[in-house]
């Protein structure tokens, strides 16, 4: 943004982006919670882009690395099994670049809707032998499903391309033998 651009009047869309930038900064620990309300007041009172930049002073511009791909170590093992039982990975966690899910006479759920990714490209190998695995994916990532259902189901309905630069890509592949691997969106 050039100095001349800071004199332009701010749009409602730019104010909403500034609000999200402040909320993300609180969530990431960059901005103390007690500073959120005064800075939001600055955003709502701003007339120009320069006023918005002043309200967001000291904070990085949001980008794909701030939102979905992070520079943190994975918080889950690379191999997860549900044998005569189950497994569950939900909530906020960091996905390893390669992960294997094994369901045998049991099942499990892998929920990526609040997860962050340690790599731009993630490969999930899902094997369901007389068992089932459910994988929940968010709407803002690219999903490629390549599995095989042999006397079972390897569901591909959640596969999609977003076309947005910087979007994480998850490839789900594997085998469902007398079992099921189901991939769904959160909504």
N, C-alpha and C. Protein backbone atom coordinates (compact mmCIF):
# COMPACT_ATOMS: atom_id res chain seq x y z
N UNK A 1 0.85 -1.17 0.00
CA UNK A 1 0.00 0.00 0.00
C UNK A 1 0.90 1.24 0.00
N UNK A 2 0.67 2.11 -0.94
CA UNK A 2 1.47 3.33 -1.03
C UNK A 2 0.94 4.38 -0.04
N UNK A 3 1.75 5.39 0.30
CA UNK A 3 1.27 6.44 1.21
C UNK A 3 0.02 7.14 0.67
N UNK A 4 -0.08 7.26 -0.67
CA UNK A 4 -1.26 7.90 -1.26
C UNK A 4 -2.52 7.08 -1.00
N UNK A 5 -2.39 5.72 -1.03
CA UNK A 5 -3.55 4.85 -0.79
C UNK A 5 -4.12 5.01 0.61
N UNK A 6 -3.30 5.42 1.57
CA UNK A 6 -3.77 5.57 2.94
C UNK A 6 -4.78 6.70 3.09
N UNK A 7 -4.83 7.62 2.10
CA UNK A 7 -5.78 8.72 2.15
C UNK A 7 -7.16 8.35 1.62
N UNK A 8 -7.27 7.19 0.94
CA UNK A 8 -8.57 6.77 0.39
C UNK A 8 -9.54 6.44 1.53
N UNK A 9 -10.82 6.67 1.26
CA UNK A 9 -11.84 6.33 2.25
C UNK A 9 -11.92 4.82 2.41
N UNK A 10 -12.13 4.36 3.63
CA UNK A 10 -12.21 2.92 3.92
C UNK A 10 -13.61 2.40 3.61
N UNK A 11 -13.67 1.20 3.09
CA UNK A 11 -14.97 0.56 2.81
C UNK A 11 -15.39 -0.30 4.00
N UNK A 12 -16.65 -0.71 4.01
CA UNK A 12 -17.13 -1.61 5.06
C UNK A 12 -16.38 -2.94 5.01
N UNK A 13 -16.07 -3.41 3.81
CA UNK A 13 -15.33 -4.66 3.66
C UNK A 13 -13.94 -4.53 4.30
N UNK A 14 -13.27 -3.41 4.09
CA UNK A 14 -11.95 -3.20 4.68
C UNK A 14 -12.03 -3.10 6.20
N UNK A 15 -13.11 -2.53 6.73
CA UNK A 15 -13.30 -2.47 8.18
C UNK A 15 -13.48 -3.89 8.74
N UNK A 16 -14.28 -4.71 8.03
CA UNK A 16 -14.48 -6.10 8.47
C UNK A 16 -13.16 -6.87 8.46
N UNK A 17 -12.34 -6.67 7.44
CA UNK A 17 -11.03 -7.32 7.38
C UNK A 17 -10.14 -6.88 8.55
N UNK A 18 -10.19 -5.60 8.89
CA UNK A 18 -9.41 -5.09 10.02
C UNK A 18 -9.89 -5.72 11.34
N UNK A 19 -11.21 -5.87 11.50
CA UNK A 19 -11.75 -6.52 12.69
C UNK A 19 -11.23 -7.95 12.80
N UNK A 20 -11.27 -8.69 11.68
CA UNK A 20 -10.78 -10.07 11.68
C UNK A 20 -9.28 -10.13 11.98
N UNK A 21 -8.55 -9.16 11.49
CA UNK A 21 -7.10 -9.09 11.75
C UNK A 21 -6.84 -8.92 13.24
N UNK A 22 -7.62 -8.07 13.90
CA UNK A 22 -7.47 -7.85 15.34
C UNK A 22 -7.87 -9.10 16.12
N UNK A 23 -8.97 -9.73 15.75
CA UNK A 23 -9.42 -10.94 16.46
C UNK A 23 -8.40 -12.08 16.30
N UNK A 24 -7.85 -12.22 15.09
CA UNK A 24 -6.83 -13.25 14.86
C UNK A 24 -5.58 -12.96 15.70
N UNK A 25 -5.24 -11.70 15.86
CA UNK A 25 -4.07 -11.34 16.66
C UNK A 25 -4.28 -11.70 18.13
N UNK A 26 -5.50 -11.53 18.63
CA UNK A 26 -5.80 -11.93 20.01
C UNK A 26 -5.71 -13.45 20.12
N UNK A 27 -6.29 -14.15 19.15
CA UNK A 27 -6.28 -15.62 19.16
C UNK A 27 -4.87 -16.18 19.10
N UNK A 28 -3.99 -15.53 18.34
CA UNK A 28 -2.61 -16.00 18.19
C UNK A 28 -1.68 -15.51 19.29
N UNK A 29 -2.20 -14.71 20.22
CA UNK A 29 -1.38 -14.22 21.32
C UNK A 29 -0.53 -13.01 20.98
N UNK A 30 -0.79 -12.38 19.86
CA UNK A 30 -0.01 -11.19 19.48
C UNK A 30 -0.56 -9.92 20.12
N UNK A 31 -1.84 -9.93 20.46
CA UNK A 31 -2.49 -8.74 21.02
C UNK A 31 -3.21 -9.15 22.30
N UNK A 32 -2.95 -8.45 23.42
CA UNK A 32 -3.66 -8.78 24.67
C UNK A 32 -5.16 -8.52 24.53
N UNK A 33 -5.97 -9.33 25.17
CA UNK A 33 -7.42 -9.23 25.07
C UNK A 33 -7.93 -7.85 25.48
N UNK A 34 -7.29 -7.24 26.49
CA UNK A 34 -7.76 -5.93 26.95
C UNK A 34 -7.55 -4.82 25.92
N UNK A 35 -6.70 -5.06 24.91
CA UNK A 35 -6.50 -4.07 23.85
C UNK A 35 -7.47 -4.24 22.68
N UNK A 36 -8.23 -5.35 22.68
CA UNK A 36 -9.13 -5.60 21.56
C UNK A 36 -10.24 -4.56 21.46
N UNK A 37 -10.97 -4.29 22.53
CA UNK A 37 -12.10 -3.36 22.49
C UNK A 37 -11.69 -1.95 22.05
N UNK A 38 -10.62 -1.37 22.62
CA UNK A 38 -10.23 -0.03 22.15
C UNK A 38 -9.83 0.00 20.68
N UNK A 39 -9.16 -1.06 20.23
CA UNK A 39 -8.75 -1.10 18.82
C UNK A 39 -9.95 -1.30 17.90
N UNK A 40 -10.94 -2.09 18.34
CA UNK A 40 -12.16 -2.25 17.54
C UNK A 40 -12.90 -0.91 17.44
N UNK A 41 -12.90 -0.13 18.52
CA UNK A 41 -13.50 1.20 18.49
C UNK A 41 -12.81 2.08 17.45
N UNK A 42 -11.47 1.97 17.38
CA UNK A 42 -10.71 2.72 16.37
C UNK A 42 -11.11 2.29 14.96
N UNK A 43 -11.30 0.99 14.77
CA UNK A 43 -11.70 0.49 13.44
C UNK A 43 -13.06 1.05 13.06
N UNK A 44 -14.02 1.01 13.99
CA UNK A 44 -15.37 1.48 13.68
C UNK A 44 -15.42 2.99 13.44
N UNK A 45 -14.50 3.72 14.06
CA UNK A 45 -14.47 5.18 13.90
C UNK A 45 -13.61 5.61 12.71
N UNK A 46 -12.91 4.69 12.08
CA UNK A 46 -11.99 5.06 11.00
C UNK A 46 -12.73 5.51 9.75
N UNK A 47 -12.15 6.52 9.09
CA UNK A 47 -12.71 7.02 7.84
C UNK A 47 -11.84 6.63 6.65
N UNK A 48 -10.54 6.54 6.88
CA UNK A 48 -9.61 6.25 5.77
C UNK A 48 -8.87 4.94 5.99
N UNK A 49 -8.22 4.49 4.93
CA UNK A 49 -7.38 3.28 5.05
C UNK A 49 -6.23 3.51 6.02
N UNK A 50 -5.73 4.72 6.08
CA UNK A 50 -4.67 5.06 7.02
C UNK A 50 -5.14 4.90 8.47
N UNK A 51 -6.40 5.29 8.73
CA UNK A 51 -6.96 5.10 10.07
C UNK A 51 -7.05 3.62 10.42
N UNK A 52 -7.42 2.79 9.44
CA UNK A 52 -7.48 1.35 9.67
C UNK A 52 -6.10 0.77 9.96
N UNK A 53 -5.10 1.23 9.20
CA UNK A 53 -3.73 0.77 9.44
C UNK A 53 -3.25 1.18 10.84
N UNK A 54 -3.64 2.37 11.29
CA UNK A 54 -3.27 2.82 12.64
C UNK A 54 -3.92 1.93 13.70
N UNK A 55 -5.17 1.50 13.47
CA UNK A 55 -5.86 0.62 14.42
C UNK A 55 -5.20 -0.76 14.48
N UNK A 56 -4.57 -1.18 13.38
CA UNK A 56 -3.91 -2.50 13.31
C UNK A 56 -2.40 -2.40 13.44
N UNK A 57 -1.92 -1.29 13.98
CA UNK A 57 -0.47 -1.06 14.08
C UNK A 57 0.21 -2.21 14.83
N UNK A 58 1.37 -2.57 14.31
CA UNK A 58 2.17 -3.61 14.95
C UNK A 58 1.73 -5.04 14.68
N UNK A 59 0.72 -5.21 13.83
CA UNK A 59 0.22 -6.56 13.55
C UNK A 59 0.50 -6.94 12.10
N UNK A 60 0.86 -8.19 11.85
CA UNK A 60 1.10 -8.60 10.46
C UNK A 60 -0.20 -8.70 9.69
N UNK A 61 -0.08 -8.53 8.38
CA UNK A 61 -1.26 -8.72 7.52
C UNK A 61 -1.58 -10.20 7.49
N UNK A 62 -2.87 -10.55 7.48
CA UNK A 62 -3.23 -11.97 7.44
C UNK A 62 -2.82 -12.60 6.12
N UNK A 63 -2.45 -13.84 6.19
CA UNK A 63 -2.08 -14.60 5.01
C UNK A 63 -2.33 -16.07 5.28
N UNK A 64 -2.11 -16.92 4.29
CA UNK A 64 -2.39 -18.34 4.47
C UNK A 64 -1.61 -18.97 5.63
N UNK A 65 -0.39 -18.51 5.89
CA UNK A 65 0.39 -19.10 6.98
C UNK A 65 -0.17 -18.71 8.33
N UNK A 66 -0.77 -17.53 8.45
CA UNK A 66 -1.36 -17.13 9.72
C UNK A 66 -2.64 -17.89 10.01
N UNK A 67 -3.33 -18.32 8.96
CA UNK A 67 -4.63 -18.93 9.21
C UNK A 67 -4.60 -20.45 9.24
N UNK A 68 -4.03 -21.10 8.24
CA UNK A 68 -4.14 -22.55 8.17
C UNK A 68 -2.81 -23.31 8.23
N UNK A 69 -1.77 -22.81 7.59
CA UNK A 69 -0.48 -23.48 7.62
C UNK A 69 0.39 -22.77 8.65
N UNK A 70 0.88 -23.53 9.63
CA UNK A 70 1.61 -22.93 10.74
C UNK A 70 3.02 -23.49 10.83
N UNK A 71 3.90 -22.73 11.46
CA UNK A 71 5.28 -23.16 11.69
C UNK A 71 5.41 -23.79 13.07
N UNK A 72 4.54 -24.74 13.37
CA UNK A 72 4.60 -25.44 14.66
C UNK A 72 4.69 -26.94 14.40
N UNK A 73 5.22 -27.63 15.37
CA UNK A 73 5.34 -29.09 15.26
C UNK A 73 3.96 -29.73 15.33
N UNK A 74 3.76 -30.85 14.62
CA UNK A 74 2.48 -31.56 14.70
C UNK A 74 2.17 -31.96 16.14
N UNK A 75 0.89 -31.93 16.49
CA UNK A 75 0.46 -32.30 17.84
C UNK A 75 -0.22 -33.66 17.86
N UNK A 76 -0.06 -34.42 16.81
CA UNK A 76 -0.60 -35.78 16.74
C UNK A 76 0.46 -36.70 16.15
N UNK A 77 0.37 -37.95 16.50
CA UNK A 77 1.28 -38.94 15.92
C UNK A 77 0.96 -39.15 14.45
N UNK A 78 1.92 -39.71 13.75
CA UNK A 78 1.73 -39.99 12.33
C UNK A 78 0.89 -41.24 12.11
N UNK A 79 0.80 -42.12 13.10
CA UNK A 79 0.03 -43.35 12.98
C UNK A 79 -1.01 -43.39 14.09
N UNK A 80 -2.28 -43.52 13.69
CA UNK A 80 -3.38 -43.56 14.64
C UNK A 80 -4.20 -44.80 14.33
N UNK A 81 -4.51 -45.59 15.37
CA UNK A 81 -5.23 -46.84 15.14
C UNK A 81 -6.44 -46.98 16.04
N UNK A 82 -7.47 -47.58 15.48
CA UNK A 82 -8.66 -47.98 16.22
C UNK A 82 -8.88 -49.46 15.95
N UNK A 83 -8.30 -50.32 16.78
CA UNK A 83 -8.40 -51.76 16.60
C UNK A 83 -9.22 -52.31 17.77
N UNK A 84 -10.37 -52.88 17.47
CA UNK A 84 -11.32 -53.32 18.49
C UNK A 84 -11.66 -52.15 19.41
N UNK A 85 -11.63 -50.96 18.89
CA UNK A 85 -11.91 -49.75 19.66
C UNK A 85 -11.98 -48.57 18.71
N UNK A 86 -11.63 -47.41 19.22
CA UNK A 86 -11.73 -46.24 18.37
C UNK A 86 -10.66 -45.21 18.64
N UNK A 87 -10.65 -44.19 17.80
CA UNK A 87 -9.76 -43.05 17.98
C UNK A 87 -10.52 -41.80 17.59
N UNK A 88 -10.03 -40.67 18.08
CA UNK A 88 -10.67 -39.39 17.76
C UNK A 88 -9.62 -38.28 17.81
N UNK A 89 -9.57 -37.47 16.77
CA UNK A 89 -8.74 -36.27 16.74
C UNK A 89 -9.67 -35.13 16.35
N UNK A 90 -9.98 -34.26 17.30
CA UNK A 90 -10.91 -33.15 17.06
C UNK A 90 -10.37 -31.90 17.72
N UNK A 91 -11.04 -30.78 17.46
CA UNK A 91 -10.66 -29.51 18.08
C UNK A 91 -9.48 -28.87 17.38
N UNK A 92 -8.72 -28.08 18.14
CA UNK A 92 -7.56 -27.38 17.60
C UNK A 92 -6.32 -28.25 17.78
N UNK A 93 -5.71 -28.62 16.66
CA UNK A 93 -4.50 -29.43 16.68
C UNK A 93 -3.74 -29.20 15.40
N UNK A 94 -2.48 -29.63 15.35
CA UNK A 94 -1.64 -29.42 14.16
C UNK A 94 -1.41 -30.78 13.50
N UNK A 95 -1.79 -30.87 12.23
CA UNK A 95 -1.74 -32.11 11.45
C UNK A 95 -0.33 -32.34 10.91
N UNK A 96 0.21 -33.55 11.07
CA UNK A 96 1.52 -33.84 10.47
C UNK A 96 1.42 -33.91 8.95
N UNK A 97 2.52 -33.76 8.22
CA UNK A 97 2.48 -33.78 6.75
C UNK A 97 1.99 -35.13 6.18
N UNK A 98 2.28 -36.22 6.88
CA UNK A 98 1.81 -37.55 6.48
C UNK A 98 1.21 -38.22 7.70
N UNK A 99 0.04 -38.82 7.49
CA UNK A 99 -0.66 -39.44 8.61
C UNK A 99 -1.34 -40.71 8.12
N UNK A 100 -1.30 -41.76 8.93
CA UNK A 100 -1.96 -43.02 8.60
C UNK A 100 -3.02 -43.32 9.65
N UNK A 101 -4.24 -43.60 9.18
CA UNK A 101 -5.35 -43.96 10.05
C UNK A 101 -5.68 -45.42 9.79
N UNK A 102 -5.78 -46.22 10.84
CA UNK A 102 -6.02 -47.65 10.71
C UNK A 102 -7.23 -48.01 11.56
N UNK A 103 -8.31 -48.46 10.93
CA UNK A 103 -9.51 -48.90 11.64
C UNK A 103 -9.75 -50.37 11.33
N UNK A 104 -9.66 -51.19 12.36
CA UNK A 104 -9.86 -52.63 12.16
C UNK A 104 -10.78 -53.13 13.27
N UNK A 105 -11.97 -53.57 12.90
CA UNK A 105 -13.00 -53.97 13.85
C UNK A 105 -13.23 -52.87 14.87
N UNK A 106 -13.13 -51.65 14.41
CA UNK A 106 -13.34 -50.48 15.25
C UNK A 106 -13.52 -49.27 14.34
N UNK A 107 -13.35 -48.12 14.88
CA UNK A 107 -13.56 -46.93 14.06
C UNK A 107 -12.87 -45.72 14.63
N UNK A 108 -13.04 -44.64 13.92
CA UNK A 108 -12.43 -43.41 14.39
C UNK A 108 -12.91 -42.20 13.63
N UNK A 109 -12.62 -41.05 14.20
CA UNK A 109 -12.97 -39.78 13.57
C UNK A 109 -11.77 -38.86 13.57
N UNK A 110 -11.52 -38.28 12.42
CA UNK A 110 -10.47 -37.29 12.24
C UNK A 110 -11.16 -36.01 11.79
N UNK A 111 -11.18 -35.00 12.65
CA UNK A 111 -11.87 -33.74 12.36
C UNK A 111 -10.84 -32.66 12.08
N UNK A 112 -10.78 -32.22 10.83
CA UNK A 112 -9.82 -31.19 10.40
C UNK A 112 -10.42 -29.79 10.40
N UNK A 113 -11.67 -29.64 10.84
CA UNK A 113 -12.36 -28.35 10.70
C UNK A 113 -11.73 -27.23 11.53
N UNK A 114 -11.07 -27.54 12.65
CA UNK A 114 -10.39 -26.51 13.44
C UNK A 114 -8.88 -26.71 13.45
N UNK A 115 -8.41 -27.68 12.68
CA UNK A 115 -6.99 -28.02 12.67
C UNK A 115 -6.17 -27.02 11.86
N UNK A 116 -4.89 -26.98 12.17
CA UNK A 116 -3.92 -26.24 11.38
C UNK A 116 -2.97 -27.28 10.79
N UNK A 117 -2.29 -26.91 9.72
CA UNK A 117 -1.46 -27.85 8.98
C UNK A 117 0.00 -27.47 9.10
N UNK A 118 0.87 -28.47 9.29
CA UNK A 118 2.30 -28.21 9.40
C UNK A 118 2.96 -28.17 8.03
N UNK A 119 2.20 -28.46 6.98
CA UNK A 119 2.73 -28.45 5.62
C UNK A 119 1.64 -27.99 4.67
N UNK A 120 2.06 -27.40 3.57
CA UNK A 120 1.10 -26.96 2.54
C UNK A 120 0.39 -28.17 1.92
N UNK A 121 1.10 -29.30 1.79
CA UNK A 121 0.54 -30.53 1.24
C UNK A 121 0.53 -31.60 2.32
N UNK A 122 -0.63 -32.19 2.56
CA UNK A 122 -0.79 -33.22 3.58
C UNK A 122 -1.34 -34.47 2.94
N UNK A 123 -0.78 -35.62 3.31
CA UNK A 123 -1.26 -36.90 2.81
C UNK A 123 -1.80 -37.72 3.97
N UNK A 124 -3.05 -38.15 3.85
CA UNK A 124 -3.68 -38.99 4.86
C UNK A 124 -3.98 -40.33 4.22
N UNK A 125 -3.40 -41.38 4.79
CA UNK A 125 -3.67 -42.74 4.32
C UNK A 125 -4.66 -43.36 5.29
N UNK A 126 -5.83 -43.74 4.79
CA UNK A 126 -6.87 -44.32 5.64
C UNK A 126 -7.13 -45.76 5.21
N UNK A 127 -7.03 -46.68 6.18
CA UNK A 127 -7.29 -48.09 5.92
C UNK A 127 -8.39 -48.53 6.88
N UNK A 128 -9.48 -49.05 6.32
CA UNK A 128 -10.59 -49.54 7.13
C UNK A 128 -10.84 -51.00 6.78
N UNK A 129 -10.50 -51.90 7.70
CA UNK A 129 -10.72 -53.33 7.52
C UNK A 129 -11.79 -53.76 8.51
N UNK A 130 -12.98 -54.02 8.03
CA UNK A 130 -14.11 -54.37 8.88
C UNK A 130 -14.32 -53.30 9.95
N UNK A 131 -14.09 -52.06 9.58
CA UNK A 131 -14.26 -50.94 10.49
C UNK A 131 -14.61 -49.70 9.71
N UNK A 132 -14.57 -48.56 10.36
CA UNK A 132 -14.93 -47.33 9.68
C UNK A 132 -14.16 -46.13 10.18
N UNK A 133 -13.93 -45.20 9.29
CA UNK A 133 -13.25 -43.95 9.62
C UNK A 133 -14.04 -42.81 9.00
N UNK A 134 -14.26 -41.79 9.79
CA UNK A 134 -14.93 -40.58 9.30
C UNK A 134 -13.92 -39.45 9.34
N UNK A 135 -13.77 -38.75 8.21
CA UNK A 135 -12.85 -37.62 8.11
C UNK A 135 -13.69 -36.38 7.80
N UNK A 136 -13.62 -35.38 8.68
CA UNK A 136 -14.37 -34.14 8.50
C UNK A 136 -13.40 -33.08 8.02
N UNK A 137 -13.71 -32.45 6.88
CA UNK A 137 -12.82 -31.45 6.29
C UNK A 137 -13.50 -30.08 6.27
N UNK A 138 -12.73 -29.00 6.47
CA UNK A 138 -13.30 -27.66 6.38
C UNK A 138 -13.54 -27.26 4.92
N UNK A 139 -14.32 -26.21 4.73
CA UNK A 139 -14.65 -25.75 3.38
C UNK A 139 -13.51 -25.00 2.71
N UNK A 140 -12.52 -24.52 3.46
CA UNK A 140 -11.51 -23.64 2.89
C UNK A 140 -10.19 -24.33 2.55
N UNK A 141 -10.21 -25.65 2.36
CA UNK A 141 -9.01 -26.36 1.91
C UNK A 141 -9.33 -27.15 0.66
N UNK A 142 -8.28 -27.53 -0.06
CA UNK A 142 -8.43 -28.37 -1.25
C UNK A 142 -8.34 -29.82 -0.80
N UNK A 143 -9.29 -30.65 -1.25
CA UNK A 143 -9.35 -32.05 -0.84
C UNK A 143 -9.37 -32.94 -2.07
N UNK A 144 -8.47 -33.93 -2.11
CA UNK A 144 -8.40 -34.90 -3.20
C UNK A 144 -8.55 -36.29 -2.57
N UNK A 145 -9.58 -37.03 -2.96
CA UNK A 145 -9.84 -38.35 -2.39
C UNK A 145 -9.59 -39.40 -3.47
N UNK A 146 -8.69 -40.37 -3.17
CA UNK A 146 -8.28 -41.35 -4.17
C UNK A 146 -8.39 -42.79 -3.68
N UNK A 147 -9.19 -43.08 -2.70
CA UNK A 147 -9.22 -44.41 -2.12
C UNK A 147 -10.05 -45.40 -2.90
N UNK A 148 -9.95 -46.66 -2.48
CA UNK A 148 -10.64 -47.76 -3.13
C UNK A 148 -11.51 -48.48 -2.11
N UNK A 149 -12.75 -48.70 -2.45
CA UNK A 149 -13.65 -49.48 -1.61
C UNK A 149 -13.82 -50.86 -2.22
N UNK A 150 -13.40 -51.89 -1.51
CA UNK A 150 -13.51 -53.26 -1.98
C UNK A 150 -14.43 -53.99 -1.00
N UNK A 151 -15.65 -54.27 -1.44
CA UNK A 151 -16.70 -54.76 -0.55
C UNK A 151 -16.89 -53.77 0.59
N UNK A 152 -16.68 -52.53 0.28
CA UNK A 152 -16.83 -51.46 1.25
C UNK A 152 -16.99 -50.14 0.52
N UNK A 153 -16.88 -49.04 1.26
CA UNK A 153 -17.11 -47.71 0.70
C UNK A 153 -15.92 -46.81 1.00
N UNK A 154 -15.41 -46.15 -0.04
CA UNK A 154 -14.43 -45.09 0.12
C UNK A 154 -15.08 -43.86 -0.50
N UNK A 155 -15.75 -43.07 0.34
CA UNK A 155 -16.59 -41.96 -0.10
C UNK A 155 -15.76 -40.79 -0.59
N UNK A 156 -16.15 -40.25 -1.75
CA UNK A 156 -15.38 -39.15 -2.37
C UNK A 156 -16.19 -37.86 -2.49
N UNK A 157 -17.31 -37.75 -1.79
CA UNK A 157 -18.19 -36.59 -1.96
C UNK A 157 -17.58 -35.27 -1.50
N UNK A 158 -16.65 -35.29 -0.58
CA UNK A 158 -16.07 -34.05 -0.07
C UNK A 158 -14.88 -33.57 -0.89
N UNK A 159 -14.51 -34.30 -1.95
CA UNK A 159 -13.37 -33.89 -2.78
C UNK A 159 -13.73 -32.61 -3.53
N UNK A 160 -12.76 -31.66 -3.54
CA UNK A 160 -13.01 -30.40 -4.25
C UNK A 160 -11.71 -29.62 -4.39
N UNK A 161 -11.73 -28.73 -5.35
CA UNK A 161 -10.60 -27.82 -5.58
C UNK A 161 -11.10 -26.41 -5.27
N UNK A 162 -10.30 -25.64 -4.53
CA UNK A 162 -10.71 -24.28 -4.20
C UNK A 162 -10.20 -23.26 -5.20
N UNK A 163 -9.02 -23.50 -5.75
CA UNK A 163 -8.46 -22.56 -6.71
C UNK A 163 -7.85 -21.32 -6.08
N UNK A 164 -7.84 -21.22 -4.76
CA UNK A 164 -7.26 -20.06 -4.09
C UNK A 164 -5.77 -20.30 -3.85
N UNK A 165 -4.93 -19.33 -4.19
CA UNK A 165 -3.50 -19.51 -3.94
C UNK A 165 -3.22 -19.59 -2.44
N UNK A 166 -2.31 -20.48 -2.07
CA UNK A 166 -1.94 -20.63 -0.67
C UNK A 166 -2.83 -21.55 0.13
N UNK A 167 -3.86 -22.11 -0.49
CA UNK A 167 -4.77 -23.01 0.21
C UNK A 167 -4.09 -24.35 0.47
N UNK A 168 -4.17 -24.86 1.70
CA UNK A 168 -3.60 -26.18 1.96
C UNK A 168 -4.30 -27.26 1.13
N UNK A 169 -3.54 -28.28 0.76
CA UNK A 169 -4.07 -29.39 -0.04
C UNK A 169 -3.94 -30.67 0.77
N UNK A 170 -5.05 -31.41 0.89
CA UNK A 170 -5.07 -32.67 1.61
C UNK A 170 -5.44 -33.77 0.64
N UNK A 171 -4.59 -34.79 0.54
CA UNK A 171 -4.86 -35.95 -0.29
C UNK A 171 -5.20 -37.11 0.64
N UNK A 172 -6.39 -37.67 0.46
CA UNK A 172 -6.84 -38.80 1.27
C UNK A 172 -6.86 -40.02 0.37
N UNK A 173 -6.07 -41.03 0.73
CA UNK A 173 -6.05 -42.23 -0.08
C UNK A 173 -5.98 -43.44 0.83
N UNK A 174 -6.30 -44.60 0.26
CA UNK A 174 -6.25 -45.81 1.08
C UNK A 174 -7.21 -46.87 0.58
N UNK A 175 -7.69 -47.69 1.52
CA UNK A 175 -8.49 -48.85 1.20
C UNK A 175 -9.56 -49.07 2.26
N UNK A 176 -10.76 -49.38 1.80
CA UNK A 176 -11.84 -49.80 2.69
C UNK A 176 -12.25 -51.20 2.26
N UNK A 177 -11.89 -52.19 3.08
CA UNK A 177 -12.20 -53.59 2.80
C UNK A 177 -13.23 -54.06 3.82
N UNK A 178 -14.45 -54.31 3.36
CA UNK A 178 -15.56 -54.65 4.26
C UNK A 178 -15.71 -53.57 5.34
N UNK A 179 -15.45 -52.33 4.96
CA UNK A 179 -15.54 -51.23 5.89
C UNK A 179 -15.84 -49.94 5.13
N UNK A 180 -15.61 -48.80 5.78
CA UNK A 180 -15.93 -47.54 5.15
C UNK A 180 -14.97 -46.44 5.60
N UNK A 181 -14.59 -45.61 4.64
CA UNK A 181 -13.88 -44.36 4.90
C UNK A 181 -14.77 -43.28 4.30
N UNK A 182 -15.32 -42.44 5.17
CA UNK A 182 -16.27 -41.42 4.75
C UNK A 182 -15.66 -40.05 4.98
N UNK A 183 -15.66 -39.24 3.94
CA UNK A 183 -15.14 -37.88 4.04
C UNK A 183 -16.29 -36.91 3.85
N UNK A 184 -16.46 -36.01 4.82
CA UNK A 184 -17.57 -35.06 4.80
C UNK A 184 -17.09 -33.65 5.15
N UNK A 185 -17.88 -32.66 4.75
CA UNK A 185 -17.61 -31.29 5.19
C UNK A 185 -18.33 -31.07 6.50
N UNK A 186 -17.90 -30.06 7.23
CA UNK A 186 -18.48 -29.78 8.57
C UNK A 186 -19.94 -29.39 8.48
N UNK A 187 -20.31 -28.64 7.46
CA UNK A 187 -21.70 -28.14 7.36
C UNK A 187 -22.68 -29.19 6.94
